[in-house]
Amino acid sequence: MNTNLKMTRRDFLKVDASLGLGLILAFYMPTGLSKAVRSLSPESRPFNSSFEPNAFIRIATDNSITVIVKHLEMGQGVSTGLPTLIAEELDADWNQINVEAAPAKARLYRNLIWGSLQGTGASNSMANSFNQMRQAGATARAMLVSAAAERWNVPASEITVSKGVVQHHGNKFKASFGELVEAASQLTIPENVTLKESKDFE
């Protein structure tokens, strides 16, 4: 029997959404993580980088993206699942993605279901982090697009992102994430960003 299954990122997100949406709606609350990171002194931040729009992403000038995973890998697939959520909203190329375990900083990496505690268990990692990680990816994407719009003097609405490349097709402008991180890091973090519709998952 052939048990080799292929699942696209879109398929994975559809399945995950169908299994966990109830818990997500019940337990997800905005945590102001980006503000918390910015409020820390540089030496006490969880990481230093060219662009760190929130506690879960850092994008380097070499175009690599490090996703900070706040849950331990205990059979729940968090090392793949959580970065997939960010890659999808960020429109990154999967080859750009690196994974790093979060440090012990409950203020930044608490389990949303457990209140103020940081931890992994009860098979809730994907459910409680689903929208949180998507929000992190969408925020980073919005800031990169804004940086490109300012650089090229074009409306942000005319810019597209695909596989880690930011483009304005009308003027044939193009830039990698790494080329935009310095400018993006100077921008104000947006309070609200639009998440993708499930039909648009790749």
C-alpha atoms as a PDB file:
ATOM      1  CA  MET A   1       0.000   0.000   0.000  1.00  0.00           C
ATOM      2  CA  ASN A   2       1.382   3.389  -0.945  1.00  0.00           C
ATOM      3  CA  THR A   3       1.156   5.709   2.066  1.00  0.00           C
ATOM      4  CA  ASN A   4       3.174   8.542   0.563  1.00  0.00           C
ATOM      5  CA  LEU A   5       1.021  11.651   0.933  1.00  0.00           C
ATOM      6  CA  LYS A   6       1.689  15.096  -0.438  1.00  0.00           C
ATOM      7  CA  MET A   7       0.162  18.069   1.325  1.00  0.00           C
ATOM      8  CA  THR A   8       0.579  21.644   0.164  1.00  0.00           C
ATOM      9  CA  ARG A   9       0.865  24.554   2.568  1.00  0.00           C
ATOM     10  CA  ARG A  10      -2.695  25.494   1.604  1.00  0.00           C
ATOM     11  CA  ASP A  11      -3.972  21.988   2.401  1.00  0.00           C
ATOM     12  CA  PHE A  12      -2.202  21.997   5.754  1.00  0.00           C
ATOM     13  CA  LEU A  13      -3.710  25.323   6.772  1.00  0.00           C
ATOM     14  CA  LYS A  14      -7.190  24.287   5.668  1.00  0.00           C
ATOM     15  CA  VAL A  15      -7.028  21.106   7.729  1.00  0.00           C
ATOM     16  CA  ASP A  16      -5.538  22.894  10.715  1.00  0.00           C
ATOM     17  CA  ALA A  17      -8.159  25.628  10.547  1.00  0.00           C
ATOM     18  CA  SER A  18     -10.991  23.123  10.425  1.00  0.00           C
ATOM     19  CA  LEU A  19      -9.658  21.285  13.478  1.00  0.00           C
ATOM     20  CA  GLY A  20      -8.753  24.206  15.661  1.00  0.00           C
ATOM     21  CA  LEU A  21     -10.944  27.162  14.769  1.00  0.00           C
ATOM     22  CA  GLY A  22     -13.276  26.842  17.731  1.00  0.00           C
ATOM     23  CA  LEU A  23     -10.439  26.970  20.215  1.00  0.00           C
ATOM     24  CA  ILE A  24      -8.821  29.821  18.345  1.00  0.00           C
ATOM     25  CA  LEU A  25     -11.922  31.973  18.526  1.00  0.00           C
ATOM     26  CA  ALA A  26     -12.443  31.109  22.149  1.00  0.00           C
ATOM     27  CA  PHE A  27      -8.926  31.631  23.419  1.00  0.00           C
ATOM     28  CA  TYR A  28      -6.948  33.914  21.135  1.00  0.00           C
ATOM     29  CA  MET A  29      -6.479  37.458  22.370  1.00  0.00           C
ATOM     30  CA  PRO A  30      -4.049  40.116  21.063  1.00  0.00           C
ATOM     31  CA  THR A  31      -1.031  40.268  23.359  1.00  0.00           C
ATOM     32  CA  GLY A  32       0.800  43.391  22.252  1.00  0.00           C
ATOM     33  CA  LEU A  33       3.955  41.359  21.782  1.00  0.00           C
ATOM     34  CA  SER A  34       5.531  43.778  19.346  1.00  0.00           C
ATOM     35  CA  LYS A  35       5.169  46.605  21.860  1.00  0.00           C
ATOM     36  CA  ALA A  36       6.581  44.396  24.579  1.00  0.00           C
ATOM     37  CA  VAL A  37       9.653  43.611  22.497  1.00  0.00           C
ATOM     38  CA  ARG A  38      10.250  47.254  21.623  1.00  0.00           C
ATOM     39  CA  SER A  39       9.872  48.280  25.283  1.00  0.00           C
ATOM     40  CA  LEU A  40      12.705  46.015  26.408  1.00  0.00           C
ATOM     41  CA  SER A  41      16.242  47.353  26.562  1.00  0.00           C
ATOM     42  CA  PRO A  42      18.416  46.063  23.683  1.00  0.00           C
ATOM     43  CA  GLU A  43      20.429  43.745  25.933  1.00  0.00           C
ATOM     44  CA  SER A  44      17.311  42.120  27.367  1.00  0.00           C
ATOM     45  CA  ARG A  45      15.483  41.537  24.078  1.00  0.00           C
ATOM     46  CA  PRO A  46      15.069  37.890  23.072  1.00  0.00           C
ATOM     47  CA  PHE A  47      17.199  38.530  19.986  1.00  0.00           C
ATOM     48  CA  ASN A  48      18.885  41.283  18.005  1.00  0.00           C
ATOM     49  CA  SER A  49      18.394  41.629  14.282  1.00  0.00           C
ATOM     50  CA  SER A  50      17.948  44.009  11.390  1.00  0.00           C
ATOM     51  CA  PHE A  51      14.169  43.656  11.465  1.00  0.00           C
ATOM     52  CA  GLU A  52      12.146  42.274  14.351  1.00  0.00           C
ATOM     53  CA  PRO A  53       8.554  43.457  13.989  1.00  0.00           C
ATOM     54  CA  ASN A  54       7.372  41.219  16.811  1.00  0.00           C
ATOM     55  CA  ALA A  55       8.569  38.494  19.170  1.00  0.00           C
ATOM     56  CA  PHE A  56       8.227  35.700  16.605  1.00  0.00           C
ATOM     57  CA  ILE A  57      10.103  36.865  13.515  1.00  0.00           C
ATOM     58  CA  ARG A  58      13.480  38.221  12.642  1.00  0.00           C
ATOM     59  CA  ILE A  59      14.532  38.855   9.075  1.00  0.00           C
ATOM     60  CA  ALA A  60      18.195  39.351   8.308  1.00  0.00           C
ATOM     61  CA  THR A  61      19.838  41.254   5.507  1.00  0.00           C
ATOM     62  CA  ASP A  62      20.931  37.920   3.997  1.00  0.00           C
ATOM     63  CA  ASN A  63      17.200  37.301   3.335  1.00  0.00           C
ATOM     64  CA  SER A  64      16.894  34.540   5.954  1.00  0.00           C
ATOM     65  CA  ILE A  65      13.843  34.443   8.197  1.00  0.00           C
ATOM     66  CA  THR A  66      14.036  33.022  11.690  1.00  0.00           C
ATOM     67  CA  VAL A  67      10.748  31.990  13.270  1.00  0.00           C
ATOM     68  CA  ILE A  68      10.764  31.855  17.064  1.00  0.00           C
ATOM     69  CA  VAL A  69       8.616  28.906  18.146  1.00  0.00           C
ATOM     70  CA  LYS A  70       7.246  29.293  21.658  1.00  0.00           C
ATOM     71  CA  HIS A  71       6.138  25.666  22.087  1.00  0.00           C
ATOM     72  CA  LEU A  72       8.289  22.587  22.559  1.00  0.00           C
ATOM     73  CA  GLU A  73       8.225  19.912  19.886  1.00  0.00           C
ATOM     74  CA  MET A  74       6.331  17.124  21.676  1.00  0.00           C
ATOM     75  CA  GLY A  75       4.664  15.388  18.763  1.00  0.00           C
ATOM     76  CA  GLN A  76       2.364  18.284  17.863  1.00  0.00           C
ATOM     77  CA  GLY A  77       4.362  19.327  14.817  1.00  0.00           C
ATOM     78  CA  VAL A  78       4.982  22.859  16.058  1.00  0.00           C
ATOM     79  CA  SER A  79       8.420  23.133  14.455  1.00  0.00           C
ATOM     80  CA  THR A  80       6.749  22.867  11.066  1.00  0.00           C
ATOM     81  CA  GLY A  81       3.197  24.027  11.749  1.00  0.00           C
ATOM     82  CA  LEU A  82       3.888  27.370  13.409  1.00  0.00           C
ATOM     83  CA  PRO A  83       6.522  28.493  10.886  1.00  0.00           C
ATOM     84  CA  THR A  84       4.099  27.487   8.116  1.00  0.00           C
ATOM     85  CA  LEU A  85       1.548  29.966   9.442  1.00  0.00           C
ATOM     86  CA  ILE A  86       4.085  32.782   9.392  1.00  0.00           C
ATOM     87  CA  ALA A  87       5.470  31.829   5.980  1.00  0.00           C
ATOM     88  CA  GLU A  88       1.957  31.832   4.547  1.00  0.00           C
ATOM     89  CA  GLU A  89       0.983  35.281   5.818  1.00  0.00           C
ATOM     90  CA  LEU A  90       4.419  36.694   5.016  1.00  0.00           C
ATOM     91  CA  ASP A  91       4.395  35.168   1.517  1.00  0.00           C
ATOM     92  CA  ALA A  92       7.899  33.881   2.160  1.00  0.00           C
ATOM     93  CA  ASP A  93       9.755  31.174   0.330  1.00  0.00           C
ATOM     94  CA  TRP A  94       9.923  28.124   2.600  1.00  0.00           C
ATOM     95  CA  ASN A  95      13.655  27.876   1.858  1.00  0.00           C
ATOM     96  CA  GLN A  96      14.137  31.170   3.716  1.00  0.00           C
ATOM     97  CA  ILE A  97      12.710  29.810   6.945  1.00  0.00           C
ATOM     98  CA  ASN A  98      14.800  28.806   9.961  1.00  0.00           C
ATOM     99  CA  VAL A  99      13.325  27.713  13.286  1.00  0.00           C
ATOM    100  CA  GLU A 100      14.534  28.662  16.745  1.00  0.00           C
ATOM    101  CA  ALA A 101      13.136  27.730  20.142  1.00  0.00           C
ATOM    102  CA  ALA A 102      11.884  30.635  22.212  1.00  0.00           C
ATOM    103  CA  PRO A 103      13.770  31.530  25.385  1.00  0.00           C
ATOM    104  CA  ALA A 104      12.099  31.371  28.776  1.00  0.00           C
ATOM    105  CA  LYS A 105      10.279  34.703  28.647  1.00  0.00           C
ATOM    106  CA  ALA A 106       6.664  34.245  29.629  1.00  0.00           C
ATOM    107  CA  ARG A 107       5.959  37.933  29.046  1.00  0.00           C
ATOM    108  CA  LEU A 108       6.569  37.395  25.339  1.00  0.00           C
ATOM    109  CA  TYR A 109       5.896  33.710  24.816  1.00  0.00           C
ATOM    110  CA  ARG A 110       3.102  32.762  27.190  1.00  0.00           C
ATOM    111  CA  ASN A 111       0.639  30.025  26.349  1.00  0.00           C
ATOM    112  CA  LEU A 112      -2.522  31.980  25.545  1.00  0.00           C
ATOM    113  CA  ILE A 113      -4.723  29.242  26.974  1.00  0.00           C
ATOM    114  CA  TRP A 114      -2.774  29.038  30.247  1.00  0.00           C
ATOM    115  CA  GLY A 115      -2.888  32.707  31.125  1.00  0.00           C
ATOM    116  CA  SER A 116       0.524  34.031  32.214  1.00  0.00           C
ATOM    117  CA  LEU A 117       2.363  30.697  31.973  1.00  0.00           C
ATOM    118  CA  GLN A 118       4.765  29.687  29.232  1.00  0.00           C
ATOM    119  CA  GLY A 119       4.537  26.035  28.319  1.00  0.00           C
ATOM    120  CA  THR A 120       3.467  23.228  26.034  1.00  0.00           C
ATOM    121  CA  GLY A 121       0.870  20.540  26.651  1.00  0.00           C
ATOM    122  CA  ALA A 122      -2.695  19.319  26.228  1.00  0.00           C
ATOM    123  CA  SER A 123      -2.319  19.380  22.428  1.00  0.00           C
ATOM    124  CA  ASN A 124      -3.205  23.066  22.316  1.00  0.00           C
ATOM    125  CA  SER A 125      -0.104  24.514  20.651  1.00  0.00           C
ATOM    126  CA  MET A 126      -1.556  24.979  17.187  1.00  0.00           C
ATOM    127  CA  ALA A 127      -4.980  26.020  18.451  1.00  0.00           C
ATOM    128  CA  ASN A 128      -3.766  28.803  20.740  1.00  0.00           C
ATOM    129  CA  SER A 129      -1.044  30.058  18.392  1.00  0.00           C
ATOM    130  CA  PHE A 130      -2.912  29.896  15.076  1.00  0.00           C
ATOM    131  CA  ASN A 131      -4.027  33.516  14.799  1.00  0.00           C
ATOM    132  CA  GLN A 132      -1.104  34.825  16.831  1.00  0.00           C
ATOM    133  CA  MET A 133       1.456  33.501  14.352  1.00  0.00           C
ATOM    134  CA  ARG A 134      -0.606  34.579  11.354  1.00  0.00           C
ATOM    135  CA  GLN A 135      -0.816  38.074  12.836  1.00  0.00           C
ATOM    136  CA  ALA A 136       2.964  38.098  13.284  1.00  0.00           C
ATOM    137  CA  GLY A 137       3.543  37.158   9.648  1.00  0.00           C
ATOM    138  CA  ALA A 138       0.972  39.599   8.304  1.00  0.00           C
ATOM    139  CA  THR A 139       2.475  42.437  10.341  1.00  0.00           C
ATOM    140  CA  ALA A 140       5.965  41.798   8.999  1.00  0.00           C
ATOM    141  CA  ARG A 141       4.627  41.599   5.446  1.00  0.00           C
ATOM    142  CA  ALA A 142       2.734  44.888   5.798  1.00  0.00           C
ATOM    143  CA  MET A 143       5.857  46.648   7.028  1.00  0.00           C
ATOM    144  CA  LEU A 144       8.010  45.292   4.206  1.00  0.00           C
ATOM    145  CA  VAL A 145       5.397  46.398   1.675  1.00  0.00           C
ATOM    146  CA  SER A 146       5.231  49.855   3.263  1.00  0.00           C
ATOM    147  CA  ALA A 147       9.012  50.140   3.113  1.00  0.00           C
ATOM    148  CA  ALA A 148       8.958  49.236  -0.579  1.00  0.00           C
ATOM    149  CA  ALA A 149       6.114  51.677  -1.288  1.00  0.00           C
ATOM    150  CA  GLU A 150       8.080  54.521   0.280  1.00  0.00           C
ATOM    151  CA  ARG A 151      11.259  53.589  -1.559  1.00  0.00           C
ATOM    152  CA  TRP A 152       9.558  53.340  -4.947  1.00  0.00           C
ATOM    153  CA  ASN A 153       7.026  56.136  -4.348  1.00  0.00           C
ATOM    154  CA  VAL A 154       4.093  53.947  -5.338  1.00  0.00           C
ATOM    155  CA  PRO A 155       0.882  52.972  -3.530  1.00  0.00           C
ATOM    156  CA  ALA A 156       1.263  49.974  -1.222  1.00  0.00           C
ATOM    157  CA  SER A 157      -1.905  48.532  -2.760  1.00  0.00           C
ATOM    158  CA  GLU A 158      -0.071  48.080  -6.070  1.00  0.00           C
ATOM    159  CA  ILE A 159       2.708  45.993  -4.536  1.00  0.00           C
ATOM    160  CA  THR A 160       2.634  42.204  -4.479  1.00  0.00           C
ATOM    161  CA  VAL A 161       4.690  39.692  -2.516  1.00  0.00           C
ATOM    162  CA  SER A 162       5.448  36.157  -3.621  1.00  0.00           C
ATOM    163  CA  LYS A 163       8.049  33.679  -2.388  1.00  0.00           C
ATOM    164  CA  GLY A 164      10.003  36.313  -0.533  1.00  0.00           C
ATOM    165  CA  VAL A 165      10.096  38.841  -3.365  1.00  0.00           C
ATOM    166  CA  VAL A 166       8.367  42.237  -3.160  1.00  0.00           C
ATOM    167  CA  GLN A 167       7.363  43.642  -6.566  1.00  0.00           C
ATOM    168  CA  HIS A 168       5.673  46.511  -8.309  1.00  0.00           C
ATOM    169  CA  HIS A 169       4.848  45.116 -11.712  1.00  0.00           C
ATOM    170  CA  GLY A 170       3.899  48.412 -13.334  1.00  0.00           C
ATOM    171  CA  ASN A 171       7.345  49.932 -12.822  1.00  0.00           C
ATOM    172  CA  LYS A 172       9.105  46.578 -12.728  1.00  0.00           C
ATOM    173  CA  PHE A 173      10.535  47.306  -9.279  1.00  0.00           C
ATOM    174  CA  LYS A 174      11.653  44.298  -7.290  1.00  0.00           C
ATOM    175  CA  ALA A 175      13.334  43.708  -3.920  1.00  0.00           C
ATOM    176  CA  SER A 176      14.041  40.834  -1.573  1.00  0.00           C
ATOM    177  CA  PHE A 177      13.020  40.972   2.068  1.00  0.00           C
ATOM    178  CA  GLY A 178      16.659  41.357   3.035  1.00  0.00           C
ATOM    179  CA  GLU A 179      16.962  44.492   0.911  1.00  0.00           C
ATOM    180  CA  LEU A 180      14.041  46.086   2.732  1.00  0.00           C
ATOM    181  CA  VAL A 181      14.695  45.155   6.348  1.00  0.00           C
ATOM    182  CA  GLU A 182      16.621  48.293   7.263  1.00  0.00           C
ATOM    183  CA  ALA A 183      13.897  50.584   5.986  1.00  0.00           C
ATOM    184  CA  ALA A 184      11.123  48.406   7.423  1.00  0.00           C
ATOM    185  CA  SER A 185      12.711  48.438  10.874  1.00  0.00           C
ATOM    186  CA  GLN A 186      12.301  52.229  10.988  1.00  0.00           C
ATOM    187  CA  LEU A 187       8.540  52.101  10.469  1.00  0.00           C
ATOM    188  CA  THR A 188       5.811  52.222  13.081  1.00  0.00           C
ATOM    189  CA  ILE A 189       4.368  48.795  13.777  1.00  0.00           C
ATOM    190  CA  PRO A 190       0.778  48.728  12.446  1.00  0.00           C
ATOM    191  CA  GLU A 191      -1.946  48.176  14.999  1.00  0.00           C
ATOM    192  CA  ASN A 192      -4.219  46.293  12.598  1.00  0.00           C
ATOM    193  CA  VAL A 193      -3.371  44.152   9.591  1.00  0.00           C
ATOM    194  CA  THR A 194      -5.548  42.071   7.310  1.00  0.00           C
ATOM    195  CA  LEU A 195      -5.104  38.299   7.444  1.00  0.00           C
ATOM    196  CA  LYS A 196      -5.515  36.171   4.351  1.00  0.00           C
ATOM    197  CA  GLU A 197      -8.766  34.480   3.515  1.00  0.00           C
ATOM    198  CA  SER A 198      -8.463  30.686   3.664  1.00  0.00           C
ATOM    199  CA  LYS A 199      -9.182  30.503  -0.064  1.00  0.00           C
ATOM    200  CA  ASP A 200      -5.950  32.401  -0.685  1.00  0.00           C
ATOM    201  CA  PHE A 201      -3.687  29.973   1.207  1.00  0.00           C
ATOM    202  CA  GLU A 202      -1.005  28.587  -1.090  1.00  0.00           C
END
